Amino acid sequence: MGKLELFAVERSYGPADQEALASMTGLEVMKAMRDGRLPSAAISESLQLDVVEVERGRVVFAGKPSA
């Protein structure tokens, strides 16, 4: 599991704790990933793509293009 500061929040990447996930709604999970309290999907690190906005019915992802 790596770390990359893509935006304002330092994020971790990889599998999340299953007990933590089981106790949260999908909206809570997405907000926790946005806030860096849960790791983002590992593919997000490779693609430099992260969740930046979350609200009911809407999630916004942003990324950095590679050089």
Protein backbone atom coordinates (compact mmCIF):
# COMPACT_ATOMS: atom_id res chain seq x y z
CA MET A 1 0.00 0.00 0.00
CA GLY A 2 1.58 3.25 -1.14
CA LYS A 3 1.04 6.90 -0.29
CA LEU A 4 0.72 9.81 -2.66
CA GLU A 5 -0.27 13.40 -1.98
CA LEU A 6 -2.37 14.05 -5.06
CA PHE A 7 -4.52 16.87 -3.75
CA ALA A 8 -4.84 18.59 -0.36
CA VAL A 9 -5.28 15.33 1.59
CA GLU A 10 -2.54 12.74 1.98
CA ARG A 11 -4.08 9.46 0.88
CA SER A 12 -3.25 5.83 1.24
CA TYR A 13 -4.10 3.17 -1.32
CA GLY A 14 -5.05 -0.48 -1.04
CA PRO A 15 -7.60 -2.62 0.76
CA ALA A 16 -9.73 -1.08 3.51
CA ASP A 17 -10.51 -2.69 6.85
CA GLN A 18 -13.56 -4.92 6.30
CA GLU A 19 -15.00 -4.22 9.76
CA ALA A 20 -14.85 -0.48 9.14
CA LEU A 21 -16.55 -0.88 5.77
CA ALA A 22 -19.29 -3.09 7.20
CA SER A 23 -20.26 -0.40 9.70
CA MET A 24 -20.60 2.39 7.09
CA THR A 25 -23.04 3.33 4.35
CA GLY A 26 -21.73 3.72 0.82
CA LEU A 27 -21.91 7.50 1.17
CA GLU A 28 -19.88 7.34 4.39
CA VAL A 29 -17.28 5.11 2.68
CA MET A 30 -16.86 7.55 -0.22
CA LYS A 31 -16.56 10.51 2.16
CA ALA A 32 -13.97 8.63 4.26
CA MET A 33 -11.92 7.89 1.11
CA ARG A 34 -12.18 11.56 0.08
CA ASP A 35 -11.01 12.67 3.53
CA GLY A 36 -8.16 10.14 3.71
CA ARG A 37 -9.71 8.19 6.61
CA LEU A 38 -10.01 5.07 4.42
CA PRO A 39 -7.61 4.04 1.66
CA SER A 40 -8.58 4.62 -1.95
CA ALA A 41 -8.57 1.79 -4.49
CA ALA A 42 -5.03 0.78 -5.46
CA ILE A 43 -5.68 1.58 -9.14
CA SER A 44 -6.26 5.21 -8.12
CA GLU A 45 -2.60 5.55 -7.22
CA SER A 46 -1.43 4.31 -10.64
CA LEU A 47 -3.90 6.52 -12.48
CA GLN A 48 -3.36 9.48 -10.12
CA LEU A 49 -7.13 9.71 -9.76
CA ASP A 50 -8.96 10.50 -6.54
CA VAL A 51 -12.35 11.34 -5.08
CA VAL A 52 -12.59 15.09 -4.49
CA GLU A 53 -16.32 15.71 -3.95
CA VAL A 54 -19.01 13.48 -2.48
CA GLU A 55 -22.71 14.10 -1.95
CA ARG A 56 -25.79 11.95 -2.17
CA GLY A 57 -26.10 10.77 -5.78
CA ARG A 58 -22.86 12.42 -6.95
CA VAL A 59 -19.14 11.70 -6.73
CA VAL A 60 -16.50 13.78 -8.50
CA PHE A 61 -13.11 12.32 -9.34
CA ALA A 62 -10.08 14.37 -10.39
CA GLY A 63 -6.72 13.28 -11.68
CA LYS A 64 -3.33 14.49 -12.77
CA PRO A 65 -2.20 13.67 -16.29
CA SER A 66 1.12 11.89 -16.61
CA ALA A 67 3.97 13.62 -18.39
